[in-house]
Amino acid sequence: MNRKFKTFILGTFLAGVLITPASAWARDYWHWSRDNNRWDRRADLRSDYRDLEEARRQLEYDRRHHAIRKKLAQDEERIRDIERDIRAYRSARR
């Protein structure tokens, strides 16, 4: 009986130690925003910044490889759209 109790206590402690880092990450990534009542808005903003960087890389690639003007215009328009989304989000938070 004493051995089962010690094993149970040790298992509970070990589970708590393993769960703690996961909960800290989840708290940082999925937070509750009182401004717009959404859990995932911060994740969306991070995704917007990643999309913006990818669009800029694509534009630079197309420029280096002498793409047609229409393709360059599409890339620039995509960058403007993403920047507009980021600005809209920031202004909505104020």
PDB file of N, CA and C in Angstrom:
ATOM      1  N   MET A   1       0.824  -1.195   0.000  1.00  0.00           N
ATOM      2  CA  MET A   1       0.000   0.000   0.000  1.00  0.00           C
ATOM      3  C   MET A   1       0.870   1.262   0.000  1.00  0.00           C
ATOM      4  N   ASN A   2       1.922   1.237   0.815  1.00  0.00           N
ATOM      5  CA  ASN A   2       2.810   2.388   0.906  1.00  0.00           C
ATOM      6  C   ASN A   2       3.521   2.630  -0.420  1.00  0.00           C
ATOM      7  N   ARG A   3       3.903   1.563  -1.128  1.00  0.00           N
ATOM      8  CA  ARG A   3       4.591   1.680  -2.409  1.00  0.00           C
ATOM      9  C   ARG A   3       3.650   2.263  -3.479  1.00  0.00           C
ATOM     10  N   LYS A   4       2.393   1.825  -3.491  1.00  0.00           N
ATOM     11  CA  LYS A   4       1.422   2.349  -4.453  1.00  0.00           C
ATOM     12  C   LYS A   4       1.195   3.840  -4.234  1.00  0.00           C
ATOM     13  N   PHE A   5       1.145   4.237  -2.975  1.00  0.00           N
ATOM     14  CA  PHE A   5       0.928   5.646  -2.652  1.00  0.00           C
ATOM     15  C   PHE A   5       2.108   6.495  -3.126  1.00  0.00           C
ATOM     16  N   LYS A   6       3.328   6.034  -2.881  1.00  0.00           N
ATOM     17  CA  LYS A   6       4.514   6.760  -3.329  1.00  0.00           C
ATOM     18  C   LYS A   6       4.573   6.837  -4.860  1.00  0.00           C
ATOM     19  N   THR A   7       4.217   5.751  -5.518  1.00  0.00           N
ATOM     20  CA  THR A   7       4.209   5.740  -6.972  1.00  0.00           C
ATOM     21  C   THR A   7       3.176   6.726  -7.513  1.00  0.00           C
ATOM     22  N   PHE A   8       2.026   6.772  -6.882  1.00  0.00           N
ATOM     23  CA  PHE A   8       0.977   7.713  -7.287  1.00  0.00           C
ATOM     24  C   PHE A   8       1.439   9.161  -7.122  1.00  0.00           C
ATOM     25  N   ILE A   9       2.046   9.484  -5.988  1.00  0.00           N
ATOM     26  CA  ILE A   9       2.523  10.839  -5.721  1.00  0.00           C
ATOM     27  C   ILE A   9       3.618  11.221  -6.720  1.00  0.00           C
ATOM     28  N   LEU A  10       4.557  10.311  -6.960  1.00  0.00           N
ATOM     29  CA  LEU A  10       5.632  10.573  -7.911  1.00  0.00           C
ATOM     30  C   LEU A  10       5.074  10.769  -9.325  1.00  0.00           C
ATOM     31  N   GLY A  11       4.118   9.963  -9.720  1.00  0.00           N
ATOM     32  CA  GLY A  11       3.498  10.102 -11.037  1.00  0.00           C
ATOM     33  C   GLY A  11       2.764  11.421 -11.193  1.00  0.00           C
ATOM     34  N   THR A  12       2.070  11.840 -10.160  1.00  0.00           N
ATOM     35  CA  THR A  12       1.364  13.119 -10.182  1.00  0.00           C
ATOM     36  C   THR A  12       2.350  14.276 -10.312  1.00  0.00           C
ATOM     37  N   PHE A  13       3.433  14.217  -9.551  1.00  0.00           N
ATOM     38  CA  PHE A  13       4.457  15.250  -9.623  1.00  0.00           C
ATOM     39  C   PHE A  13       5.089  15.305 -11.011  1.00  0.00           C
ATOM     40  N   LEU A  14       5.416  14.159 -11.563  1.00  0.00           N
ATOM     41  CA  LEU A  14       6.028  14.095 -12.885  1.00  0.00           C
ATOM     42  C   LEU A  14       5.085  14.636 -13.967  1.00  0.00           C
ATOM     43  N   ALA A  15       3.817  14.302 -13.877  1.00  0.00           N
ATOM     44  CA  ALA A  15       2.841  14.813 -14.843  1.00  0.00           C
ATOM     45  C   ALA A  15       2.733  16.336 -14.748  1.00  0.00           C
ATOM     46  N   GLY A  16       2.760  16.859 -13.540  1.00  0.00           N
ATOM     47  CA  GLY A  16       2.706  18.307 -13.351  1.00  0.00           C
ATOM     48  C   GLY A  16       3.911  19.004 -13.941  1.00  0.00           C
ATOM     49  N   VAL A  17       5.079  18.408 -13.774  1.00  0.00           N
ATOM     50  CA  VAL A  17       6.299  18.990 -14.330  1.00  0.00           C
ATOM     51  C   VAL A  17       6.246  18.987 -15.853  1.00  0.00           C
ATOM     52  N   LEU A  18       5.711  17.953 -16.450  1.00  0.00           N
ATOM     53  CA  LEU A  18       5.648  17.871 -17.903  1.00  0.00           C
ATOM     54  C   LEU A  18       4.574  18.775 -18.497  1.00  0.00           C
ATOM     55  N   ILE A  19       3.503  19.014 -17.781  1.00  0.00           N
ATOM     56  CA  ILE A  19       2.400  19.844 -18.275  1.00  0.00           C
ATOM     57  C   ILE A  19       2.724  21.335 -18.173  1.00  0.00           C
ATOM     58  N   THR A  20       3.510  21.739 -17.209  1.00  0.00           N
ATOM     59  CA  THR A  20       3.792  23.151 -16.975  1.00  0.00           C
ATOM     60  C   THR A  20       4.371  23.863 -18.202  1.00  0.00           C
ATOM     61  N   PRO A  21       5.410  23.352 -18.873  1.00  0.00           N
ATOM     62  CA  PRO A  21       5.921  24.076 -20.055  1.00  0.00           C
ATOM     63  C   PRO A  21       4.891  24.185 -21.181  1.00  0.00           C
ATOM     64  N   ALA A  22       4.076  23.168 -21.362  1.00  0.00           N
ATOM     65  CA  ALA A  22       3.061  23.222 -22.414  1.00  0.00           C
ATOM     66  C   ALA A  22       2.023  24.298 -22.113  1.00  0.00           C
ATOM     67  N   SER A  23       1.639  24.431 -20.871  1.00  0.00           N
ATOM     68  CA  SER A  23       0.637  25.443 -20.537  1.00  0.00           C
ATOM     69  C   SER A  23       1.211  26.851 -20.670  1.00  0.00           C
ATOM     70  N   ALA A  24       2.499  27.017 -20.402  1.00  0.00           N
ATOM     71  CA  ALA A  24       3.116  28.335 -20.572  1.00  0.00           C
ATOM     72  C   ALA A  24       3.134  28.726 -22.048  1.00  0.00           C
ATOM     73  N   TRP A  25       3.433  27.785 -22.931  1.00  0.00           N
ATOM     74  CA  TRP A  25       3.433  28.069 -24.366  1.00  0.00           C
ATOM     75  C   TRP A  25       2.025  28.397 -24.840  1.00  0.00           C
ATOM     76  N   ALA A  26       1.047  27.634 -24.392  1.00  0.00           N
ATOM     77  CA  ALA A  26      -0.334  27.866 -24.817  1.00  0.00           C
ATOM     78  C   ALA A  26      -0.820  29.230 -24.331  1.00  0.00           C
ATOM     79  N   ARG A  27      -0.409  29.629 -23.170  1.00  0.00           N
ATOM     80  CA  ARG A  27      -0.818  30.922 -22.644  1.00  0.00           C
ATOM     81  C   ARG A  27      -0.255  32.053 -23.494  1.00  0.00           C
ATOM     82  N   ASP A  28       0.967  31.900 -23.970  1.00  0.00           N
ATOM     83  CA  ASP A  28       1.570  32.937 -24.800  1.00  0.00           C
ATOM     84  C   ASP A  28       0.928  32.984 -26.178  1.00  0.00           C
ATOM     85  N   TYR A  29       0.651  31.830 -26.753  1.00  0.00           N
ATOM     86  CA  TYR A  29       0.167  31.783 -28.123  1.00  0.00           C
ATOM     87  C   TYR A  29      -1.328  32.056 -28.223  1.00  0.00           C
ATOM     88  N   TRP A  30      -2.129  31.471 -27.368  1.00  0.00           N
ATOM     89  CA  TRP A  30      -3.585  31.643 -27.401  1.00  0.00           C
ATOM     90  C   TRP A  30      -4.008  32.452 -26.189  1.00  0.00           C
ATOM     91  N   HIS A  31      -4.056  33.724 -26.314  1.00  0.00           N
ATOM     92  CA  HIS A  31      -4.457  34.562 -25.203  1.00  0.00           C
ATOM     93  C   HIS A  31      -5.830  35.175 -25.484  1.00  0.00           C
ATOM     94  N   TRP A  32      -6.502  35.532 -24.439  1.00  0.00           N
ATOM     95  CA  TRP A  32      -7.820  36.146 -24.559  1.00  0.00           C
ATOM     96  C   TRP A  32      -7.651  37.639 -24.681  1.00  0.00           C
ATOM     97  N   SER A  33      -8.132  38.205 -25.733  1.00  0.00           N
ATOM     98  CA  SER A  33      -8.042  39.632 -25.940  1.00  0.00           C
ATOM     99  C   SER A  33      -9.381  40.271 -25.601  1.00  0.00           C
ATOM    100  N   ARG A  34      -9.363  41.181 -24.688  1.00  0.00           N
ATOM    101  CA  ARG A  34     -10.604  41.858 -24.304  1.00  0.00           C
ATOM    102  C   ARG A  34     -11.067  42.842 -25.368  1.00  0.00           C
ATOM    103  N   ASP A  35     -10.124  43.267 -26.226  1.00  0.00           N
ATOM    104  CA  ASP A  35     -10.471  44.249 -27.251  1.00  0.00           C
ATOM    105  C   ASP A  35     -11.410  43.679 -28.299  1.00  0.00           C
ATOM    106  N   ASN A  36     -11.104  42.492 -28.800  1.00  0.00           N
ATOM    107  CA  ASN A  36     -11.932  41.968 -29.881  1.00  0.00           C
ATOM    108  C   ASN A  36     -12.505  40.589 -29.574  1.00  0.00           C
ATOM    109  N   ASN A  37     -12.375  40.141 -28.332  1.00  0.00           N
ATOM    110  CA  ASN A  37     -13.000  38.899 -27.853  1.00  0.00           C
ATOM    111  C   ASN A  37     -12.690  37.694 -28.732  1.00  0.00           C
ATOM    112  N   ARG A  38     -11.442  37.568 -29.116  1.00  0.00           N
ATOM    113  CA  ARG A  38     -11.019  36.417 -29.909  1.00  0.00           C
ATOM    114  C   ARG A  38      -9.751  35.838 -29.312  1.00  0.00           C
ATOM    115  N   TRP A  39      -9.662  34.543 -29.326  1.00  0.00           N
ATOM    116  CA  TRP A  39      -8.489  33.859 -28.793  1.00  0.00           C
ATOM    117  C   TRP A  39      -7.325  33.909 -29.760  1.00  0.00           C
ATOM    118  N   ASP A  40      -7.588  33.836 -31.028  1.00  0.00           N
ATOM    119  CA  ASP A  40      -6.528  33.582 -31.984  1.00  0.00           C
ATOM    120  C   ASP A  40      -6.087  34.805 -32.762  1.00  0.00           C
ATOM    121  N   ARG A  41      -6.467  36.014 -32.380  1.00  0.00           N
ATOM    122  CA  ARG A  41      -6.111  37.188 -33.163  1.00  0.00           C
ATOM    123  C   ARG A  41      -4.606  37.411 -33.179  1.00  0.00           C
ATOM    124  N   ARG A  42      -3.944  37.149 -32.053  1.00  0.00           N
ATOM    125  CA  ARG A  42      -2.501  37.322 -32.004  1.00  0.00           C
ATOM    126  C   ARG A  42      -1.810  36.365 -32.965  1.00  0.00           C
ATOM    127  N   ALA A  43      -2.316  35.164 -33.064  1.00  0.00           N
ATOM    128  CA  ALA A  43      -1.758  34.194 -34.004  1.00  0.00           C
ATOM    129  C   ALA A  43      -1.997  34.659 -35.440  1.00  0.00           C
ATOM    130  N   ASP A  44      -3.149  35.260 -35.695  1.00  0.00           N
ATOM    131  CA  ASP A  44      -3.434  35.781 -37.038  1.00  0.00           C
ATOM    132  C   ASP A  44      -2.462  36.896 -37.410  1.00  0.00           C
ATOM    133  N   LEU A  45      -2.153  37.759 -36.451  1.00  0.00           N
ATOM    134  CA  LEU A  45      -1.225  38.853 -36.718  1.00  0.00           C
ATOM    135  C   LEU A  45       0.169  38.308 -37.025  1.00  0.00           C
ATOM    136  N   ARG A  46       0.603  37.296 -36.286  1.00  0.00           N
ATOM    137  CA  ARG A  46       1.895  36.663 -36.581  1.00  0.00           C
ATOM    138  C   ARG A  46       1.883  36.066 -37.980  1.00  0.00           C
ATOM    139  N   SER A  47       0.790  35.469 -38.347  1.00  0.00           N
ATOM    140  CA  SER A  47       0.667  34.898 -39.683  1.00  0.00           C
ATOM    141  C   SER A  47       0.721  35.995 -40.747  1.00  0.00           C
ATOM    142  N   ASP A  48       0.112  37.140 -40.464  1.00  0.00           N
ATOM    143  CA  ASP A  48       0.161  38.263 -41.405  1.00  0.00           C
ATOM    144  C   ASP A  48       1.593  38.726 -41.632  1.00  0.00           C
ATOM    145  N   TYR A  49       2.363  38.812 -40.557  1.00  0.00           N
ATOM    146  CA  TYR A  49       3.757  39.231 -40.704  1.00  0.00           C
ATOM    147  C   TYR A  49       4.573  38.200 -41.490  1.00  0.00           C
ATOM    148  N   ARG A  50       4.314  36.911 -41.273  1.00  0.00           N
ATOM    149  CA  ARG A  50       5.000  35.878 -42.061  1.00  0.00           C
ATOM    150  C   ARG A  50       4.608  35.978 -43.536  1.00  0.00           C
ATOM    151  N   ASP A  51       3.324  36.207 -43.802  1.00  0.00           N
ATOM    152  CA  ASP A  51       2.864  36.364 -45.187  1.00  0.00           C
ATOM    153  C   ASP A  51       3.501  37.591 -45.839  1.00  0.00           C
ATOM    154  N   LEU A  52       3.644  38.659 -45.080  1.00  0.00           N
ATOM    155  CA  LEU A  52       4.254  39.869 -45.606  1.00  0.00           C
ATOM    156  C   LEU A  52       5.713  39.620 -45.998  1.00  0.00           C
ATOM    157  N   GLU A  53       6.441  38.940 -45.149  1.00  0.00           N
ATOM    158  CA  GLU A  53       7.838  38.627 -45.473  1.00  0.00           C
ATOM    159  C   GLU A  53       7.940  37.724 -46.699  1.00  0.00           C
ATOM    160  N   GLU A  54       7.050  36.762 -46.787  1.00  0.00           N
ATOM    161  CA  GLU A  54       7.050  35.865 -47.944  1.00  0.00           C
ATOM    162  C   GLU A  54       6.727  36.634 -49.232  1.00  0.00           C
ATOM    163  N   ALA A  55       5.779  37.553 -49.161  1.00  0.00           N
ATOM    164  CA  ALA A  55       5.420  38.351 -50.336  1.00  0.00           C
ATOM    165  C   ALA A  55       6.584  39.244 -50.764  1.00  0.00           C
ATOM    166  N   ARG A  56       7.294  39.799 -49.797  1.00  0.00           N
ATOM    167  CA  ARG A  56       8.459  40.631 -50.135  1.00  0.00           C
ATOM    168  C   ARG A  56       9.567  39.792 -50.777  1.00  0.00           C
ATOM    169  N   ARG A  57       9.782  38.583 -50.253  1.00  0.00           N
ATOM    170  CA  ARG A  57      10.784  37.702 -50.862  1.00  0.00           C
ATOM    171  C   ARG A  57      10.399  37.342 -52.294  1.00  0.00           C
ATOM    172  N   GLN A  58       9.108  37.080 -52.504  1.00  0.00           N
ATOM    173  CA  GLN A  58       8.648  36.729 -53.850  1.00  0.00           C
ATOM    174  C   GLN A  58       8.844  37.906 -54.817  1.00  0.00           C
ATOM    175  N   LEU A  59       8.555  39.112 -54.351  1.00  0.00           N
ATOM    176  CA  LEU A  59       8.757  40.292 -55.189  1.00  0.00           C
ATOM    177  C   LEU A  59      10.229  40.445 -55.560  1.00  0.00           C
ATOM    178  N   GLU A  60      11.101  40.300 -54.600  1.00  0.00           N
ATOM    179  CA  GLU A  60      12.537  40.407 -54.889  1.00  0.00           C
ATOM    180  C   GLU A  60      13.002  39.309 -55.846  1.00  0.00           C
ATOM    181  N   TYR A  61      12.480  38.111 -55.674  1.00  0.00           N
ATOM    182  CA  TYR A  61      12.822  37.010 -56.582  1.00  0.00           C
ATOM    183  C   TYR A  61      12.380  37.343 -58.005  1.00  0.00           C
ATOM    184  N   ASP A  62      11.156  37.836 -58.139  1.00  0.00           N
ATOM    185  CA  ASP A  62      10.641  38.172 -59.466  1.00  0.00           C
ATOM    186  C   ASP A  62      11.436  39.311 -60.109  1.00  0.00           C
ATOM    187  N   ARG A  63      11.847  40.279 -59.299  1.00  0.00           N
ATOM    188  CA  ARG A  63      12.657  41.375 -59.838  1.00  0.00           C
ATOM    189  C   ARG A  63      14.020  40.871 -60.317  1.00  0.00           C
ATOM    190  N   ARG A  64      14.643  39.991 -59.528  1.00  0.00           N
ATOM    191  CA  ARG A  64      15.953  39.467 -59.918  1.00  0.00           C
ATOM    192  C   ARG A  64      15.877  38.643 -61.197  1.00  0.00           C
ATOM    193  N   HIS A  65      14.740  37.977 -61.395  1.00  0.00           N
ATOM    194  CA  HIS A  65      14.596  37.111 -62.559  1.00  0.00           C
ATOM    195  C   HIS A  65      13.822  37.785 -63.701  1.00  0.00           C
ATOM    196  N   HIS A  66      13.710  39.093 -63.624  1.00  0.00           N
ATOM    197  CA  HIS A  66      13.129  39.899 -64.704  1.00  0.00           C
ATOM    198  C   HIS A  66      11.730  39.420 -65.115  1.00  0.00           C
ATOM    199  N   ALA A  67      10.853  39.338 -64.138  1.00  0.00           N
ATOM    200  CA  ALA A  67       9.474  38.934 -64.412  1.00  0.00           C
ATOM    201  C   ALA A  67       8.752  40.054 -65.168  1.00  0.00           C
ATOM    202  N   ILE A  68       7.625  39.709 -65.747  1.00  0.00           N
ATOM    203  CA  ILE A  68       6.849  40.703 -66.492  1.00  0.00           C
ATOM    204  C   ILE A  68       6.231  41.718 -65.528  1.00  0.00           C
ATOM    205  N   ARG A  69       5.875  42.874 -66.054  1.00  0.00           N
ATOM    206  CA  ARG A  69       5.329  43.951 -65.226  1.00  0.00           C
ATOM    207  C   ARG A  69       4.050  43.546 -64.503  1.00  0.00           C
ATOM    208  N   LYS A  70       3.232  42.755 -65.165  1.00  0.00           N
ATOM    209  CA  LYS A  70       1.968  42.332 -64.556  1.00  0.00           C
ATOM    210  C   LYS A  70       2.228  41.514 -63.285  1.00  0.00           C
ATOM    211  N   LYS A  71       3.211  40.630 -63.332  1.00  0.00           N
ATOM    212  CA  LYS A  71       3.548  39.811 -62.161  1.00  0.00           C
ATOM    213  C   LYS A  71       4.095  40.683 -61.037  1.00  0.00           C
ATOM    214  N   LEU A  72       4.949  41.652 -61.381  1.00  0.00           N
ATOM    215  CA  LEU A  72       5.480  42.563 -60.365  1.00  0.00           C
ATOM    216  C   LEU A  72       4.365  43.396 -59.731  1.00  0.00           C
ATOM    217  N   ALA A  73       3.417  43.833 -60.544  1.00  0.00           N
ATOM    218  CA  ALA A  73       2.284  44.599 -60.023  1.00  0.00           C
ATOM    219  C   ALA A  73       1.430  43.748 -59.080  1.00  0.00           C
ATOM    220  N   GLN A  74       1.243  42.464 -59.416  1.00  0.00           N
ATOM    221  CA  GLN A  74       0.485  41.570 -58.534  1.00  0.00           C
ATOM    222  C   GLN A  74       1.202  41.389 -57.201  1.00  0.00           C
ATOM    223  N   ASP A  75       2.518  41.227 -57.252  1.00  0.00           N
ATOM    224  CA  ASP A  75       3.289  41.077 -56.013  1.00  0.00           C
ATOM    225  C   ASP A  75       3.186  42.326 -55.146  1.00  0.00           C
ATOM    226  N   GLU A  76       3.315  43.488 -55.762  1.00  0.00           N
ATOM    227  CA  GLU A  76       3.213  44.739 -55.005  1.00  0.00           C
ATOM    228  C   GLU A  76       1.825  44.928 -54.415  1.00  0.00           C
ATOM    229  N   GLU A  77       0.807  44.538 -55.170  1.00  0.00           N
ATOM    230  CA  GLU A  77      -0.570  44.637 -54.666  1.00  0.00           C
ATOM    231  C   GLU A  77      -0.781  43.710 -53.465  1.00  0.00           C
ATOM    232  N   ARG A  78      -0.220  42.541 -53.532  1.00  0.00           N
ATOM    233  CA  ARG A  78      -0.328  41.596 -52.407  1.00  0.00           C
ATOM    234  C   ARG A  78       0.334  42.178 -51.161  1.00  0.00           C
ATOM    235  N   ILE A  79       1.486  42.788 -51.319  1.00  0.00           N
ATOM    236  CA  ILE A  79       2.169  43.411 -50.179  1.00  0.00           C
ATOM    237  C   ILE A  79       1.315  44.532 -49.600  1.00  0.00           C
ATOM    238  N   ARG A  80       0.740  45.366 -50.465  1.00  0.00           N
ATOM    239  CA  ARG A  80      -0.124  46.449 -49.983  1.00  0.00           C
ATOM    240  C   ARG A  80      -1.346  45.910 -49.242  1.00  0.00           C
ATOM    241  N   ASP A  81      -1.930  44.831 -49.721  1.00  0.00           N
ATOM    242  CA  ASP A  81      -3.097  44.239 -49.053  1.00  0.00           C
ATOM    243  C   ASP A  81      -2.745  43.738 -47.653  1.00  0.00           C
ATOM    244  N   ILE A  82      -1.625  43.071 -47.542  1.00  0.00           N
ATOM    245  CA  ILE A  82      -1.220  42.547 -46.232  1.00  0.00           C
ATOM    246  C   ILE A  82      -0.906  43.689 -45.276  1.00  0.00           C
ATOM    247  N   GLU A  83      -0.206  44.718 -45.757  1.00  0.00           N
ATOM    248  CA  GLU A  83       0.083  45.878 -44.919  1.00  0.00           C
ATOM    249  C   GLU A  83      -1.202  46.578 -44.492  1.00  0.00           C
ATOM    250  N   ARG A  84      -2.180  46.638 -45.387  1.00  0.00           N
ATOM    251  CA  ARG A  84      -3.473  47.238 -45.054  1.00  0.00           C
ATOM    252  C   ARG A  84      -4.169  46.437 -43.957  1.00  0.00           C
ATOM    253  N   ASP A  85      -4.103  45.107 -44.031  1.00  0.00           N
ATOM    254  CA  ASP A  85      -4.696  44.266 -42.985  1.00  0.00           C
ATOM    255  C   ASP A  85      -4.033  44.502 -41.631  1.00  0.00           C
ATOM    256  N   ILE A  86      -2.720  44.617 -41.629  1.00  0.00           N
ATOM    257  CA  ILE A  86      -2.000  44.856 -40.373  1.00  0.00           C
ATOM    258  C   ILE A  86      -2.370  46.217 -39.795  1.00  0.00           C
ATOM    259  N   ARG A  87      -2.413  47.239 -40.645  1.00  0.00           N
ATOM    260  CA  ARG A  87      -2.806  48.570 -40.163  1.00  0.00           C
ATOM    261  C   ARG A  87      -4.236  48.575 -39.630  1.00  0.00           C
ATOM    262  N   ALA A  88      -5.129  47.868 -40.294  1.00  0.00           N
ATOM    263  CA  ALA A  88      -6.522  47.803 -39.836  1.00  0.00           C
ATOM    264  C   ALA A  88      -6.617  47.141 -38.475  1.00  0.00           C
ATOM    265  N   TYR A  89      -5.846  46.104 -38.273  1.00  0.00           N
ATOM    266  CA  TYR A  89      -5.861  45.433 -36.987  1.00  0.00           C
ATOM    267  C   TYR A  89      -5.340  46.361 -35.889  1.00  0.00           C
ATOM    268  N   ARG A  90      -4.246  47.048 -36.185  1.00  0.00           N
ATOM    269  CA  ARG A  90      -3.671  47.951 -35.174  1.00  0.00           C
ATOM    270  C   ARG A  90      -4.612  49.105 -34.856  1.00  0.00           C
ATOM    271  N   SER A  91      -5.262  49.657 -35.847  1.00  0.00           N
ATOM    272  CA  SER A  91      -6.179  50.762 -35.583  1.00  0.00           C
ATOM    273  C   SER A  91      -7.432  50.285 -34.843  1.00  0.00           C
ATOM    274  N   ALA A  92      -7.831  49.050 -35.057  1.00  0.00           N
ATOM    275  CA  ALA A  92      -9.003  48.503 -34.363  1.00  0.00           C
ATOM    276  C   ALA A  92      -8.703  48.274 -32.883  1.00  0.00           C
ATOM    277  N   ARG A  93      -7.454  48.029 -32.549  1.00  0.00           N
ATOM    278  CA  ARG A  93      -7.076  47.793 -31.156  1.00  0.00           C
ATOM    279  C   ARG A  93      -7.096  49.074 -30.352  1.00  0.00           C
ATOM    280  N   ARG A  94      -6.973  50.231 -31.012  1.00  0.00           N
ATOM    281  CA  ARG A  94      -6.913  51.509 -30.279  1.00  0.00           C
ATOM    282  C   ARG A  94      -8.246  51.954 -29.843  1.00  0.00           C
TER     283      ARG A  94
END
